[in-house]
Amino acid sequence: MENHVLTAFLLTTLAGLATGIGSLLAFFARKTNRAFLSVALGFSAGVTM
């Protein structure tokens, strides 16, 4: 049982970190490149699903 809880916690943490990384990439882009913004936001939204 403890192993399942630890696995769920780690996967949730990884998903949260990936979402944060994707949104930070989109936030700190110097120019408003719509293609890059679409990919970064799509990545962060896809990870949360």
N, C-alpha and C. Protein backbone atom coordinates (compact mmCIF):
# COMPACT_ATOMS: atom_id res chain seq x y z
N MET A 1 0.83 -1.20 0.00
CA MET A 1 0.00 0.00 0.00
C MET A 1 0.86 1.26 0.00
N GLU A 2 1.93 1.27 0.81
CA GLU A 2 2.79 2.45 0.89
C GLU A 2 3.45 2.73 -0.45
N ASN A 3 3.78 1.67 -1.19
CA ASN A 3 4.44 1.84 -2.48
C ASN A 3 3.52 2.55 -3.47
N HIS A 4 2.23 2.25 -3.43
CA HIS A 4 1.27 2.89 -4.32
C HIS A 4 1.12 4.38 -3.99
N VAL A 5 1.13 4.70 -2.74
CA VAL A 5 1.00 6.10 -2.32
C VAL A 5 2.24 6.88 -2.75
N LEU A 6 3.41 6.29 -2.59
CA LEU A 6 4.65 6.95 -2.99
C LEU A 6 4.69 7.15 -4.50
N THR A 7 4.27 6.16 -5.25
CA THR A 7 4.24 6.28 -6.72
C THR A 7 3.28 7.38 -7.15
N ALA A 8 2.12 7.43 -6.55
CA ALA A 8 1.14 8.47 -6.88
C ALA A 8 1.68 9.86 -6.53
N PHE A 9 2.33 9.97 -5.41
CA PHE A 9 2.90 11.26 -5.00
C PHE A 9 3.99 11.71 -5.96
N LEU A 10 4.87 10.80 -6.37
CA LEU A 10 5.94 11.14 -7.29
C LEU A 10 5.40 11.54 -8.67
N LEU A 11 4.41 10.82 -9.17
CA LEU A 11 3.82 11.17 -10.46
C LEU A 11 3.12 12.52 -10.41
N THR A 12 2.45 12.80 -9.32
CA THR A 12 1.79 14.09 -9.16
C THR A 12 2.80 15.22 -9.09
N THR A 13 3.89 14.99 -8.39
CA THR A 13 4.95 15.98 -8.29
C THR A 13 5.59 16.24 -9.65
N LEU A 14 5.86 15.18 -10.41
CA LEU A 14 6.44 15.34 -11.74
C LEU A 14 5.50 16.10 -12.67
N ALA A 15 4.22 15.82 -12.60
CA ALA A 15 3.25 16.53 -13.43
C ALA A 15 3.21 18.01 -13.07
N GLY A 16 3.25 18.31 -11.81
CA GLY A 16 3.25 19.71 -11.37
C GLY A 16 4.50 20.44 -11.82
N LEU A 17 5.65 19.78 -11.70
CA LEU A 17 6.90 20.40 -12.14
C LEU A 17 6.91 20.62 -13.65
N ALA A 18 6.43 19.66 -14.40
CA ALA A 18 6.39 19.80 -15.86
C ALA A 18 5.46 20.94 -16.26
N THR A 19 4.36 21.09 -15.56
CA THR A 19 3.44 22.19 -15.84
C THR A 19 4.12 23.52 -15.54
N GLY A 20 4.81 23.58 -14.44
CA GLY A 20 5.52 24.81 -14.08
C GLY A 20 6.61 25.16 -15.08
N ILE A 21 7.36 24.16 -15.52
CA ILE A 21 8.43 24.39 -16.50
C ILE A 21 7.83 24.89 -17.82
N GLY A 22 6.77 24.26 -18.25
CA GLY A 22 6.13 24.69 -19.49
C GLY A 22 5.60 26.10 -19.42
N SER A 23 5.02 26.46 -18.31
CA SER A 23 4.49 27.82 -18.19
C SER A 23 5.61 28.84 -18.03
N LEU A 24 6.69 28.48 -17.36
CA LEU A 24 7.82 29.40 -17.25
C LEU A 24 8.48 29.65 -18.60
N LEU A 25 8.59 28.63 -19.42
CA LEU A 25 9.14 28.82 -20.76
C LEU A 25 8.29 29.80 -21.55
N ALA A 26 7.00 29.67 -21.44
CA ALA A 26 6.11 30.59 -22.16
C ALA A 26 6.17 31.99 -21.55
N PHE A 27 6.32 32.08 -20.26
CA PHE A 27 6.30 33.38 -19.58
C PHE A 27 7.56 34.19 -19.86
N PHE A 28 8.73 33.52 -19.93
CA PHE A 28 9.99 34.22 -20.07
C PHE A 28 10.48 34.32 -21.51
N ALA A 29 9.66 33.98 -22.46
CA ALA A 29 10.04 34.15 -23.87
C ALA A 29 10.18 35.65 -24.15
N ARG A 30 11.28 36.03 -24.76
CA ARG A 30 11.56 37.45 -24.99
C ARG A 30 10.57 38.07 -25.97
N LYS A 31 10.37 37.45 -27.09
CA LYS A 31 9.44 37.97 -28.07
C LYS A 31 8.16 37.15 -28.01
N THR A 32 7.07 37.75 -28.43
CA THR A 32 5.81 37.02 -28.46
C THR A 32 5.75 36.20 -29.74
N ASN A 33 6.33 35.02 -29.67
CA ASN A 33 6.31 34.09 -30.80
C ASN A 33 5.10 33.18 -30.60
N ARG A 34 4.09 33.35 -31.41
CA ARG A 34 2.84 32.62 -31.21
C ARG A 34 3.02 31.11 -31.33
N ALA A 35 3.91 30.67 -32.21
CA ALA A 35 4.14 29.23 -32.36
C ALA A 35 4.77 28.66 -31.10
N PHE A 36 5.78 29.34 -30.56
CA PHE A 36 6.42 28.89 -29.33
C PHE A 36 5.45 28.93 -28.15
N LEU A 37 4.68 29.99 -28.09
CA LEU A 37 3.70 30.12 -27.01
C LEU A 37 2.67 29.01 -27.07
N SER A 38 2.22 28.67 -28.27
CA SER A 38 1.25 27.59 -28.43
C SER A 38 1.82 26.25 -27.99
N VAL A 39 3.07 25.98 -28.37
CA VAL A 39 3.70 24.72 -27.99
C VAL A 39 3.90 24.66 -26.48
N ALA A 40 4.39 25.73 -25.88
CA ALA A 40 4.66 25.73 -24.44
C ALA A 40 3.36 25.59 -23.63
N LEU A 41 2.33 26.31 -24.03
CA LEU A 41 1.06 26.22 -23.29
C LEU A 41 0.38 24.88 -23.56
N GLY A 42 0.52 24.35 -24.77
CA GLY A 42 -0.02 23.02 -25.06
C GLY A 42 0.67 21.95 -24.24
N PHE A 43 1.98 22.09 -24.08
CA PHE A 43 2.73 21.14 -23.26
C PHE A 43 2.28 21.20 -21.80
N SER A 44 2.16 22.41 -21.27
CA SER A 44 1.76 22.53 -19.86
C SER A 44 0.31 22.07 -19.64
N ALA A 45 -0.55 22.31 -20.61
CA ALA A 45 -1.93 21.85 -20.48
C ALA A 45 -2.03 20.34 -20.67
N GLY A 46 -1.24 19.80 -21.58
CA GLY A 46 -1.29 18.36 -21.82
C GLY A 46 -0.80 17.54 -20.65
N VAL A 47 0.17 18.07 -19.93
CA VAL A 47 0.70 17.35 -18.78
C VAL A 47 -0.33 17.28 -17.66
N THR A 48 -1.14 18.30 -17.53
CA THR A 48 -2.11 18.32 -16.44
C THR A 48 -3.32 17.43 -16.68
N MET A 49 -3.50 16.95 -17.89
CA MET A 49 -4.65 16.11 -18.19
C MET A 49 -4.51 14.75 -17.61
